Structures are given as structure tokens and as C-alpha cells.
Amino acid sequence: MQKDLVDFLLDELRPRPGMYLTAYNFSYLNIYLTGVDITCCQLNKSGEYLERFSGENGFLHWSWRKYDLGHPSARLYHYLEFANGNEKEALDLFFEDLELFHSETKR
């Protein structure tokens, strides 16, 4: 089975964030994910690669439902709010939730 963005974030980026992000920083992850979105859109790969992350039943929607956020326009910034602006804690919380989502929705 081909890896998707959720697999990549957990298996590749999380253990070695310095290879992909300037620092272990939530805002840098958000910038990185914007680049992934744009690239996938340009290459017509959005559906297959992004579905489990940003699709209708993907992680973003799962996260919004978990925290009863409705459909916020700021995608993931609730993690930064929950961590009181602490970039490292926000990124840790994001990965904890992504791991939980992954275990609940194994393909």
C-alpha cells in the first residue's frame, strides 16, 4: 500500500523533524503542510496523498470534531492555542493526536 501524508508525518517527519523543518516548531510544520498542499494540487495528487489528512474523513476533520471546533478556517492553529503559544508543546500535541487518529483509523 502506498504511503500517504499521515504515514509520512508519523514515520518520516516526526522522528527526524530537522530534515524537514527549520526547527521543532509548530508554525514551521504548518508552513510545510501548506507547501505540501500546493505541490499536491499542482501535480494532481491531492486525492490520493492528502485524503487521510485533509479529506472529509481525514485528520483535520477528526481533530475539529474531537475539540468541537466546527469548521475553523485556521486549519491547525487550535493546537497552538491549546499550548498557550508554545510551539514545541503544540507540535507535541499535534503528533499525539495524529498518532491517535492513525490508530483509530488504520487502513
PDB file of N, CA and C in Angstrom:
ATOM      1  N   MET A   1       0.840  -1.178   0.000  1.00  0.00           N
ATOM      2  CA  MET A   1       0.000   0.000   0.000  1.00  0.00           C
ATOM      3  C   MET A   1       0.890   1.249   0.000  1.00  0.00           C
ATOM      4  N   GLN A   2       0.538   2.199  -0.830  1.00  0.00           N
ATOM      5  CA  GLN A   2       1.311   3.423  -0.963  1.00  0.00           C
ATOM      6  C   GLN A   2       1.132   4.309   0.268  1.00  0.00           C
ATOM      7  N   LYS A   3       2.233   4.911   0.731  1.00  0.00           N
ATOM      8  CA  LYS A   3       2.173   5.803   1.885  1.00  0.00           C
ATOM      9  C   LYS A   3       1.474   7.102   1.510  1.00  0.00           C
ATOM     10  N   ASP A   4       0.802   7.672   2.499  1.00  0.00           N
ATOM     11  CA  ASP A   4       0.162   8.963   2.298  1.00  0.00           C
ATOM     12  C   ASP A   4       0.771   9.970   3.275  1.00  0.00           C
ATOM     13  N   LEU A   5       0.178  11.152   3.362  1.00  0.00           N
ATOM     14  CA  LEU A   5       0.740  12.202   4.195  1.00  0.00           C
ATOM     15  C   LEU A   5       0.747  11.822   5.673  1.00  0.00           C
ATOM     16  N   VAL A   6      -0.295  11.170   6.161  1.00  0.00           N
ATOM     17  CA  VAL A   6      -0.328  10.759   7.567  1.00  0.00           C
ATOM     18  C   VAL A   6       0.839   9.811   7.855  1.00  0.00           C
ATOM     19  N   ASP A   7       1.053   8.829   6.993  1.00  0.00           N
ATOM     20  CA  ASP A   7       2.180   7.906   7.159  1.00  0.00           C
ATOM     21  C   ASP A   7       3.505   8.659   7.156  1.00  0.00           C
ATOM     22  N   PHE A   8       3.654   9.564   6.207  1.00  0.00           N
ATOM     23  CA  PHE A   8       4.900  10.328   6.106  1.00  0.00           C
ATOM     24  C   PHE A   8       5.155  11.144   7.376  1.00  0.00           C
ATOM     25  N   LEU A   9       4.136  11.831   7.857  1.00  0.00           N
ATOM     26  CA  LEU A   9       4.316  12.667   9.048  1.00  0.00           C
ATOM     27  C   LEU A   9       4.729  11.837  10.259  1.00  0.00           C
ATOM     28  N   LEU A  10       4.107  10.678  10.427  1.00  0.00           N
ATOM     29  CA  LEU A  10       4.420   9.834  11.584  1.00  0.00           C
ATOM     30  C   LEU A  10       5.713   9.043  11.423  1.00  0.00           C
ATOM     31  N   ASP A  11       5.955   8.522  10.231  1.00  0.00           N
ATOM     32  CA  ASP A  11       7.099   7.623  10.026  1.00  0.00           C
ATOM     33  C   ASP A  11       8.391   8.325   9.638  1.00  0.00           C
ATOM     34  N   GLU A  12       8.278   9.441   8.963  1.00  0.00           N
ATOM     35  CA  GLU A  12       9.474  10.123   8.455  1.00  0.00           C
ATOM     36  C   GLU A  12       9.750  11.450   9.156  1.00  0.00           C
ATOM     37  N   LEU A  13       8.760  12.327   9.182  1.00  0.00           N
ATOM     38  CA  LEU A  13       8.993  13.668   9.723  1.00  0.00           C
ATOM     39  C   LEU A  13       9.114  13.667  11.244  1.00  0.00           C
ATOM     40  N   ARG A  14       8.232  12.987  11.930  1.00  0.00           N
ATOM     41  CA  ARG A  14       8.250  13.014  13.400  1.00  0.00           C
ATOM     42  C   ARG A  14       9.585  12.559  13.987  1.00  0.00           C
ATOM     43  N   PRO A  15      10.161  11.449  13.523  1.00  0.00           N
ATOM     44  CA  PRO A  15      11.437  11.035  14.123  1.00  0.00           C
ATOM     45  C   PRO A  15      12.624  11.926  13.733  1.00  0.00           C
ATOM     46  N   ARG A  16      12.519  12.627  12.607  1.00  0.00           N
ATOM     47  CA  ARG A  16      13.633  13.458  12.125  1.00  0.00           C
ATOM     48  C   ARG A  16      13.130  14.811  11.641  1.00  0.00           C
ATOM     49  N   PRO A  17      12.528  15.604  12.530  1.00  0.00           N
ATOM     50  CA  PRO A  17      11.946  16.873  12.094  1.00  0.00           C
ATOM     51  C   PRO A  17      12.977  17.841  11.507  1.00  0.00           C
ATOM     52  N   GLY A  18      14.215  17.759  11.943  1.00  0.00           N
ATOM     53  CA  GLY A  18      15.253  18.655  11.439  1.00  0.00           C
ATOM     54  C   GLY A  18      15.536  18.483   9.953  1.00  0.00           C
ATOM     55  N   MET A  19      15.182  17.348   9.400  1.00  0.00           N
ATOM     56  CA  MET A  19      15.372  17.128   7.964  1.00  0.00           C
ATOM     57  C   MET A  19      14.326  17.880   7.139  1.00  0.00           C
ATOM     58  N   TYR A  20      13.204  18.234   7.752  1.00  0.00           N
ATOM     59  CA  TYR A  20      12.096  18.821   7.002  1.00  0.00           C
ATOM     60  C   TYR A  20      11.701  20.211   7.494  1.00  0.00           C
ATOM     61  N   LEU A  21      11.932  20.487   8.764  1.00  0.00           N
ATOM     62  CA  LEU A  21      11.557  21.769   9.354  1.00  0.00           C
ATOM     63  C   LEU A  21      12.824  22.475   9.830  1.00  0.00           C
ATOM     64  N   THR A  22      12.825  23.774   9.842  1.00  0.00           N
ATOM     65  CA  THR A  22      13.981  24.526  10.312  1.00  0.00           C
ATOM     66  C   THR A  22      14.238  24.261  11.789  1.00  0.00           C
ATOM     67  N   ALA A  23      13.171  24.083  12.550  1.00  0.00           N
ATOM     68  CA  ALA A  23      13.270  23.795  13.982  1.00  0.00           C
ATOM     69  C   ALA A  23      12.030  23.008  14.388  1.00  0.00           C
ATOM     70  N   TYR A  24      12.083  22.403  15.574  1.00  0.00           N
ATOM     71  CA  TYR A  24      10.928  21.682  16.095  1.00  0.00           C
ATOM     72  C   TYR A  24       9.919  22.721  16.556  1.00  0.00           C
ATOM     73  N   ASN A  25       9.079  23.140  15.605  1.00  0.00           N
ATOM     74  CA  ASN A  25       8.242  24.310  15.782  1.00  0.00           C
ATOM     75  C   ASN A  25       6.928  24.075  15.043  1.00  0.00           C
ATOM     76  N   PHE A  26       5.815  24.260  15.725  1.00  0.00           N
ATOM     77  CA  PHE A  26       4.511  24.007  15.123  1.00  0.00           C
ATOM     78  C   PHE A  26       4.246  24.881  13.899  1.00  0.00           C
ATOM     79  N   SER A  27       4.590  26.151  13.977  1.00  0.00           N
ATOM     80  CA  SER A  27       4.333  27.054  12.854  1.00  0.00           C
ATOM     81  C   SER A  27       5.109  26.625  11.611  1.00  0.00           C
ATOM     82  N   TYR A  28       6.306  26.091  11.794  1.00  0.00           N
ATOM     83  CA  TYR A  28       7.076  25.605  10.644  1.00  0.00           C
ATOM     84  C   TYR A  28       6.403  24.389  10.016  1.00  0.00           C
ATOM     85  N   LEU A  29       5.808  23.534  10.850  1.00  0.00           N
ATOM     86  CA  LEU A  29       5.058  22.401  10.306  1.00  0.00           C
ATOM     87  C   LEU A  29       3.887  22.900   9.482  1.00  0.00           C
ATOM     88  N   ASN A  30       3.186  23.900   9.975  1.00  0.00           N
ATOM     89  CA  ASN A  30       2.036  24.428   9.252  1.00  0.00           C
ATOM     90  C   ASN A  30       2.465  25.011   7.899  1.00  0.00           C
ATOM     91  N   ILE A  31       3.582  25.696   7.868  1.00  0.00           N
ATOM     92  CA  ILE A  31       4.124  26.226   6.605  1.00  0.00           C
ATOM     93  C   ILE A  31       4.476  25.070   5.674  1.00  0.00           C
ATOM     94  N   TYR A  32       5.125  24.056   6.218  1.00  0.00           N
ATOM     95  CA  TYR A  32       5.490  22.875   5.431  1.00  0.00           C
ATOM     96  C   TYR A  32       4.249  22.219   4.823  1.00  0.00           C
ATOM     97  N   LEU A  33       3.196  22.069   5.636  1.00  0.00           N
ATOM     98  CA  LEU A  33       1.968  21.436   5.144  1.00  0.00           C
ATOM     99  C   LEU A  33       1.293  22.260   4.057  1.00  0.00           C
ATOM    100  N   THR A  34       1.390  23.570   4.142  1.00  0.00           N
ATOM    101  CA  THR A  34       0.859  24.423   3.073  1.00  0.00           C
ATOM    102  C   THR A  34       1.596  24.147   1.777  1.00  0.00           C
ATOM    103  N   GLY A  35       2.908  24.011   1.852  1.00  0.00           N
ATOM    104  CA  GLY A  35       3.700  23.666   0.668  1.00  0.00           C
ATOM    105  C   GLY A  35       3.316  22.315   0.093  1.00  0.00           C
ATOM    106  N   VAL A  36       3.065  21.338   0.964  1.00  0.00           N
ATOM    107  CA  VAL A  36       2.632  20.009   0.507  1.00  0.00           C
ATOM    108  C   VAL A  36       1.295  20.122  -0.211  1.00  0.00           C
ATOM    109  N   ASP A  37       0.359  20.872   0.363  1.00  0.00           N
ATOM    110  CA  ASP A  37      -0.957  21.073  -0.271  1.00  0.00           C
ATOM    111  C   ASP A  37      -0.810  21.660  -1.675  1.00  0.00           C
ATOM    112  N   ILE A  38      -0.023  22.704  -1.781  1.00  0.00           N
ATOM    113  CA  ILE A  38       0.154  23.377  -3.069  1.00  0.00           C
ATOM    114  C   ILE A  38       0.803  22.441  -4.075  1.00  0.00           C
ATOM    115  N   THR A  39       1.841  21.740  -3.652  1.00  0.00           N
ATOM    116  CA  THR A  39       2.543  20.816  -4.553  1.00  0.00           C
ATOM    117  C   THR A  39       1.613  19.703  -5.025  1.00  0.00           C
ATOM    118  N   CYS A  40       0.874  19.107  -4.107  1.00  0.00           N
ATOM    119  CA  CYS A  40      -0.045  18.036  -4.484  1.00  0.00           C
ATOM    120  C   CYS A  40      -1.112  18.531  -5.442  1.00  0.00           C
ATOM    121  N   CYS A  41      -1.600  19.718  -5.214  1.00  0.00           N
ATOM    122  CA  CYS A  41      -2.605  20.305  -6.094  1.00  0.00           C
ATOM    123  C   CYS A  41      -2.023  20.498  -7.500  1.00  0.00           C
ATOM    124  N   GLN A  42      -0.816  21.018  -7.577  1.00  0.00           N
ATOM    125  CA  GLN A  42      -0.167  21.259  -8.871  1.00  0.00           C
ATOM    126  C   GLN A  42       0.095  19.962  -9.626  1.00  0.00           C
ATOM    127  N   LEU A  43       0.380  18.887  -8.883  1.00  0.00           N
ATOM    128  CA  LEU A  43       0.687  17.598  -9.512  1.00  0.00           C
ATOM    129  C   LEU A  43      -0.540  16.693  -9.628  1.00  0.00           C
ATOM    130  N   ASN A  44      -1.705  17.217  -9.274  1.00  0.00           N
ATOM    131  CA  ASN A  44      -2.944  16.427  -9.279  1.00  0.00           C
ATOM    132  C   ASN A  44      -2.828  15.163  -8.429  1.00  0.00           C
ATOM    133  N   LYS A  45      -2.179  15.278  -7.278  1.00  0.00           N
ATOM    134  CA  LYS A  45      -2.005  14.137  -6.376  1.00  0.00           C
ATOM    135  C   LYS A  45      -2.787  14.337  -5.078  1.00  0.00           C
ATOM    136  N   SER A  46      -3.578  15.394  -4.998  1.00  0.00           N
ATOM    137  CA  SER A  46      -4.255  15.732  -3.750  1.00  0.00           C
ATOM    138  C   SER A  46      -5.104  14.589  -3.213  1.00  0.00           C
ATOM    139  N   GLY A  47      -5.931  14.005  -4.042  1.00  0.00           N
ATOM    140  CA  GLY A  47      -6.846  12.972  -3.574  1.00  0.00           C
ATOM    141  C   GLY A  47      -6.157  11.796  -2.945  1.00  0.00           C
ATOM    142  N   GLU A  48      -5.218  11.224  -3.618  1.00  0.00           N
ATOM    143  CA  GLU A  48      -4.600  10.003  -3.123  1.00  0.00           C
ATOM    144  C   GLU A  48      -3.631  10.237  -1.971  1.00  0.00           C
ATOM    145  N   TYR A  49      -2.925  11.339  -1.955  1.00  0.00           N
ATOM    146  CA  TYR A  49      -1.905  11.566  -0.933  1.00  0.00           C
ATOM    147  C   TYR A  49      -2.455  12.290   0.296  1.00  0.00           C
ATOM    148  N   LEU A  50      -3.429  13.160   0.105  1.00  0.00           N
ATOM    149  CA  LEU A  50      -3.912  14.006   1.193  1.00  0.00           C
ATOM    150  C   LEU A  50      -5.214  13.535   1.834  1.00  0.00           C
ATOM    151  N   GLU A  51      -5.872  12.557   1.259  1.00  0.00           N
ATOM    152  CA  GLU A  51      -7.217  12.172   1.690  1.00  0.00           C
ATOM    153  C   GLU A  51      -7.305  11.890   3.189  1.00  0.00           C
ATOM    154  N   ARG A  52      -6.395  11.108   3.737  1.00  0.00           N
ATOM    155  CA  ARG A  52      -6.477  10.757   5.160  1.00  0.00           C
ATOM    156  C   ARG A  52      -6.086  11.915   6.071  1.00  0.00           C
ATOM    157  N   PHE A  53      -5.461  12.950   5.508  1.00  0.00           N
ATOM    158  CA  PHE A  53      -5.101  14.108   6.318  1.00  0.00           C
ATOM    159  C   PHE A  53      -6.154  15.202   6.229  1.00  0.00           C
ATOM    160  N   SER A  54      -6.490  15.599   5.011  1.00  0.00           N
ATOM    161  CA  SER A  54      -7.387  16.741   4.863  1.00  0.00           C
ATOM    162  C   SER A  54      -8.704  16.417   4.163  1.00  0.00           C
ATOM    163  N   GLY A  55      -8.944  15.157   3.870  1.00  0.00           N
ATOM    164  CA  GLY A  55     -10.210  14.761   3.254  1.00  0.00           C
ATOM    165  C   GLY A  55     -11.365  14.853   4.237  1.00  0.00           C
ATOM    166  N   GLU A  56     -12.549  14.609   3.755  1.00  0.00           N
ATOM    167  CA  GLU A  56     -13.767  14.743   4.564  1.00  0.00           C
ATOM    168  C   GLU A  56     -13.715  13.896   5.840  1.00  0.00           C
ATOM    169  N   ASN A  57     -13.121  12.727   5.780  1.00  0.00           N
ATOM    170  CA  ASN A  57     -12.987  11.863   6.962  1.00  0.00           C
ATOM    171  C   ASN A  57     -11.550  11.820   7.463  1.00  0.00           C
ATOM    172  N   GLY A  58     -10.787  12.828   7.118  1.00  0.00           N
ATOM    173  CA  GLY A  58      -9.370  12.853   7.459  1.00  0.00           C
ATOM    174  C   GLY A  58      -9.082  13.450   8.822  1.00  0.00           C
ATOM    175  N   PHE A  59      -7.799  13.576   9.106  1.00  0.00           N
ATOM    176  CA  PHE A  59      -7.330  14.044  10.401  1.00  0.00           C
ATOM    177  C   PHE A  59      -7.835  15.439  10.755  1.00  0.00           C
ATOM    178  N   LEU A  60      -7.817  16.361   9.803  1.00  0.00           N
ATOM    179  CA  LEU A  60      -8.274  17.722  10.120  1.00  0.00           C
ATOM    180  C   LEU A  60      -9.690  17.709  10.676  1.00  0.00           C
ATOM    181  N   HIS A  61     -10.594  17.042   9.979  1.00  0.00           N
ATOM    182  CA  HIS A  61     -11.986  16.988  10.419  1.00  0.00           C
ATOM    183  C   HIS A  61     -12.121  16.212  11.728  1.00  0.00           C
ATOM    184  N   TRP A  62     -11.347  15.146  11.869  1.00  0.00           N
ATOM    185  CA  TRP A  62     -11.336  14.377  13.115  1.00  0.00           C
ATOM    186  C   TRP A  62     -10.928  15.272  14.279  1.00  0.00           C
ATOM    187  N   SER A  63      -9.891  16.061  14.077  1.00  0.00           N
ATOM    188  CA  SER A  63      -9.383  16.961  15.112  1.00  0.00           C
ATOM    189  C   SER A  63     -10.412  18.029  15.466  1.00  0.00           C
ATOM    190  N   TRP A  64     -11.041  18.611  14.460  1.00  0.00           N
ATOM    191  CA  TRP A  64     -12.062  19.630  14.720  1.00  0.00           C
ATOM    192  C   TRP A  64     -13.227  19.040  15.506  1.00  0.00           C
ATOM    193  N   ARG A  65     -13.617  17.796  15.155  1.00  0.00           N
ATOM    194  CA  ARG A  65     -14.701  17.141  15.895  1.00  0.00           C
ATOM    195  C   ARG A  65     -14.266  16.816  17.326  1.00  0.00           C
ATOM    196  N   LYS A  66     -13.058  16.338  17.486  1.00  0.00           N
ATOM    197  CA  LYS A  66     -12.548  15.976  18.817  1.00  0.00           C
ATOM    198  C   LYS A  66     -12.643  17.162  19.775  1.00  0.00           C
ATOM    199  N   TYR A  67     -12.299  18.334  19.275  1.00  0.00           N
ATOM    200  CA  TYR A  67     -12.288  19.530  20.122  1.00  0.00           C
ATOM    201  C   TYR A  67     -13.532  20.398  19.930  1.00  0.00           C
ATOM    202  N   ASP A  68     -14.524  19.860  19.222  1.00  0.00           N
ATOM    203  CA  ASP A  68     -15.790  20.557  18.999  1.00  0.00           C
ATOM    204  C   ASP A  68     -15.577  21.971  18.455  1.00  0.00           C
ATOM    205  N   LEU A  69     -14.813  22.050  17.366  1.00  0.00           N
ATOM    206  CA  LEU A  69     -14.463  23.338  16.783  1.00  0.00           C
ATOM    207  C   LEU A  69     -15.292  23.707  15.563  1.00  0.00           C
ATOM    208  N   GLY A  70     -16.202  22.856  15.162  1.00  0.00           N
ATOM    209  CA  GLY A  70     -16.951  23.143  13.940  1.00  0.00           C
ATOM    210  C   GLY A  70     -16.030  22.990  12.734  1.00  0.00           C
ATOM    211  N   HIS A  71     -15.927  24.031  11.935  1.00  0.00           N
ATOM    212  CA  HIS A  71     -15.067  24.004  10.751  1.00  0.00           C
ATOM    213  C   HIS A  71     -14.256  25.300  10.730  1.00  0.00           C
ATOM    214  N   PRO A  72     -13.208  25.360  11.536  1.00  0.00           N
ATOM    215  CA  PRO A  72     -12.427  26.598  11.613  1.00  0.00           C
ATOM    216  C   PRO A  72     -11.662  26.873  10.327  1.00  0.00           C
ATOM    217  N   SER A  73     -11.401  28.123  10.085  1.00  0.00           N
ATOM    218  CA  SER A  73     -10.674  28.485   8.872  1.00  0.00           C
ATOM    219  C   SER A  73      -9.170  28.356   9.045  1.00  0.00           C
ATOM    220  N   ALA A  74      -8.703  28.272  10.276  1.00  0.00           N
ATOM    221  CA  ALA A  74      -7.261  28.254  10.532  1.00  0.00           C
ATOM    222  C   ALA A  74      -6.710  26.841  10.690  1.00  0.00           C
ATOM    223  N   ARG A  75      -7.222  25.918   9.978  1.00  0.00           N
ATOM    224  CA  ARG A  75      -6.788  24.524   9.910  1.00  0.00           C
ATOM    225  C   ARG A  75      -6.311  23.924  11.227  1.00  0.00           C
ATOM    226  N   LEU A  76      -5.085  24.192  11.632  1.00  0.00           N
ATOM    227  CA  LEU A  76      -4.498  23.511  12.782  1.00  0.00           C
ATOM    228  C   LEU A  76      -4.107  24.429  13.937  1.00  0.00           C
ATOM    229  N   TYR A  77      -4.382  25.700  13.827  1.00  0.00           N
ATOM    230  CA  TYR A  77      -3.863  26.620  14.839  1.00  0.00           C
ATOM    231  C   TYR A  77      -4.478  26.434  16.222  1.00  0.00           C
ATOM    232  N   HIS A  78      -5.518  25.600  16.336  1.00  0.00           N
ATOM    233  CA  HIS A  78      -6.050  25.320  17.672  1.00  0.00           C
ATOM    234  C   HIS A  78      -4.996  24.647  18.548  1.00  0.00           C
ATOM    235  N   TYR A  79      -4.068  23.904  17.940  1.00  0.00           N
ATOM    236  CA  TYR A  79      -3.006  23.287  18.736  1.00  0.00           C
ATOM    237  C   TYR A  79      -2.116  24.342  19.376  1.00  0.00           C
ATOM    238  N   LEU A  80      -1.845  25.392  18.646  1.00  0.00           N
ATOM    239  CA  LEU A  80      -1.035  26.481  19.191  1.00  0.00           C
ATOM    240  C   LEU A  80      -1.793  27.199  20.313  1.00  0.00           C
ATOM    241  N   GLU A  81      -3.088  27.364  20.143  1.00  0.00           N
ATOM    242  CA  GLU A  81      -3.894  27.979  21.200  1.00  0.00           C
ATOM    243  C   GLU A  81      -3.920  27.105  22.447  1.00  0.00           C
ATOM    244  N   PHE A  82      -4.103  25.786  22.268  1.00  0.00           N
ATOM    245  CA  PHE A  82      -4.142  24.868  23.414  1.00  0.00           C
ATOM    246  C   PHE A  82      -2.819  24.856  24.173  1.00  0.00           C
ATOM    247  N   ALA A  83      -1.726  25.100  23.463  1.00  0.00           N
ATOM    248  CA  ALA A  83      -0.389  25.104  24.080  1.00  0.00           C
ATOM    249  C   ALA A  83       0.017  26.509  24.530  1.00  0.00           C
ATOM    250  N   ASN A  84      -0.926  27.428  24.574  1.00  0.00           N
ATOM    251  CA  ASN A  84      -0.657  28.805  25.003  1.00  0.00           C
ATOM    252  C   ASN A  84       0.511  29.439  24.255  1.00  0.00           C
ATOM    253  N   GLY A  85       0.568  29.157  22.952  1.00  0.00           N
ATOM    254  CA  GLY A  85       1.593  29.763  22.108  1.00  0.00           C
ATOM    255  C   GLY A  85       2.939  29.061  22.135  1.00  0.00           C
ATOM    256  N   ASN A  86       3.071  28.001  22.917  1.00  0.00           N
ATOM    257  CA  ASN A  86       4.333  27.266  22.976  1.00  0.00           C
ATOM    258  C   ASN A  86       4.441  26.353  21.752  1.00  0.00           C
ATOM    259  N   GLU A  87       5.354  26.689  20.856  1.00  0.00           N
ATOM    260  CA  GLU A  87       5.484  25.988  19.570  1.00  0.00           C
ATOM    261  C   GLU A  87       5.812  24.500  19.736  1.00  0.00           C
ATOM    262  N   LYS A  88       6.707  24.173  20.641  1.00  0.00           N
ATOM    263  CA  LYS A  88       7.104  22.776  20.842  1.00  0.00           C
ATOM    264  C   LYS A  88       5.941  21.964  21.412  1.00  0.00           C
ATOM    265  N   GLU A  89       5.277  22.507  22.434  1.00  0.00           N
ATOM    266  CA  GLU A  89       4.140  21.797  23.022  1.00  0.00           C
ATOM    267  C   GLU A  89       3.013  21.614  22.015  1.00  0.00           C
ATOM    268  N   ALA A  90       2.785  22.600  21.168  1.00  0.00           N
ATOM    269  CA  ALA A  90       1.749  22.492  20.137  1.00  0.00           C
ATOM    270  C   ALA A  90       2.087  21.372  19.161  1.00  0.00           C
ATOM    271  N   LEU A  91       3.348  21.279  18.782  1.00  0.00           N
ATOM    272  CA  LEU A  91       3.767  20.225  17.851  1.00  0.00           C
ATOM    273  C   LEU A  91       3.670  18.856  18.513  1.00  0.00           C
ATOM    274  N   ASP A  92       4.040  18.769  19.787  1.00  0.00           N
ATOM    275  CA  ASP A  92       3.890  17.504  20.514  1.00  0.00           C
ATOM    276  C   ASP A  92       2.423  17.076  20.559  1.00  0.00           C
ATOM    277  N   LEU A  93       1.523  18.007  20.872  1.00  0.00           N
ATOM    278  CA  LEU A  93       0.094  17.705  20.919  1.00  0.00           C
ATOM    279  C   LEU A  93      -0.429  17.278  19.549  1.00  0.00           C
ATOM    280  N   PHE A  94       0.002  17.975  18.502  1.00  0.00           N
ATOM    281  CA  PHE A  94      -0.391  17.606  17.145  1.00  0.00           C
ATOM    282  C   PHE A  94      -0.010  16.159  16.851  1.00  0.00           C
ATOM    283  N   PHE A  95       1.242  15.782  17.143  1.00  0.00           N
ATOM    284  CA  PHE A  95       1.688  14.415  16.851  1.00  0.00           C
ATOM    285  C   PHE A  95       0.983  13.384  17.724  1.00  0.00           C
ATOM    286  N   GLU A  96       0.676  13.727  18.973  1.00  0.00           N
ATOM    287  CA  GLU A  96      -0.089  12.810  19.820  1.00  0.00           C
ATOM    288  C   GLU A  96      -1.463  12.549  19.209  1.00  0.00           C
ATOM    289  N   ASP A  97      -2.120  13.599  18.760  1.00  0.00           N
ATOM    290  CA  ASP A  97      -3.429  13.437  18.133  1.00  0.00           C
ATOM    291  C   ASP A  97      -3.338  12.693  16.809  1.00  0.00           C
ATOM    292  N   LEU A  98      -2.315  12.998  16.017  1.00  0.00           N
ATOM    293  CA  LEU A  98      -2.163  12.305  14.735  1.00  0.00           C
ATOM    294  C   LEU A  98      -1.941  10.810  14.957  1.00  0.00           C
ATOM    295  N   GLU A  99      -1.169  10.463  15.975  1.00  0.00           N
ATOM    296  CA  GLU A  99      -0.948   9.056  16.316  1.00  0.00           C
ATOM    297  C   GLU A  99      -2.251   8.391  16.744  1.00  0.00           C
ATOM    298  N   LEU A 100      -3.045   9.084  17.562  1.00  0.00           N
ATOM    299  CA  LEU A 100      -4.340   8.565  17.986  1.00  0.00           C
ATOM    300  C   LEU A 100      -5.266   8.377  16.787  1.00  0.00           C
ATOM    301  N   PHE A 101      -5.341   9.364  15.925  1.00  0.00           N
ATOM    302  CA  PHE A 101      -6.147   9.270  14.701  1.00  0.00           C
ATOM    303  C   PHE A 101      -5.705   8.065  13.876  1.00  0.00           C
ATOM    304  N   HIS A 102      -4.409   7.920  13.710  1.00  0.00           N
ATOM    305  CA  HIS A 102      -3.856   6.806  12.918  1.00  0.00           C
ATOM    306  C   HIS A 102      -4.255   5.456  13.520  1.00  0.00           C
ATOM    307  N   SER A 103      -4.172   5.336  14.831  1.00  0.00           N
ATOM    308  CA  SER A 103      -4.518   4.056  15.462  1.00  0.00           C
ATOM    309  C   SER A 103      -6.025   3.773  15.389  1.00  0.00           C
ATOM    310  N   GLU A 104      -6.832   4.813  15.415  1.00  0.00           N
ATOM    311  CA  GLU A 104      -8.289   4.640  15.339  1.00  0.00           C
ATOM    312  C   GLU A 104      -8.789   4.362  13.928  1.00  0.00           C
ATOM    313  N   THR A 105      -8.009   4.755  12.932  1.00  0.00           N
ATOM    314  CA  THR A 105      -8.478   4.668  11.546  1.00  0.00           C
ATOM    315  C   THR A 105      -7.540   3.857  10.661  1.00  0.00           C
ATOM    316  N   LYS A 106      -6.894   2.875  11.243  1.00  0.00           N
ATOM    317  CA  LYS A 106      -5.954   2.073  10.444  1.00  0.00           C
ATOM    318  C   LYS A 106      -6.607   1.580   9.169  1.00  0.00           C
ATOM    319  N   ARG A 107      -5.827   1.666   8.108  1.00  0.00           N
ATOM    320  CA  ARG A 107      -6.338   1.204   6.805  1.00  0.00           C
ATOM    321  C   ARG A 107      -6.191  -0.277   6.691  1.00  0.00           C
TER     322      ARG A 107
END
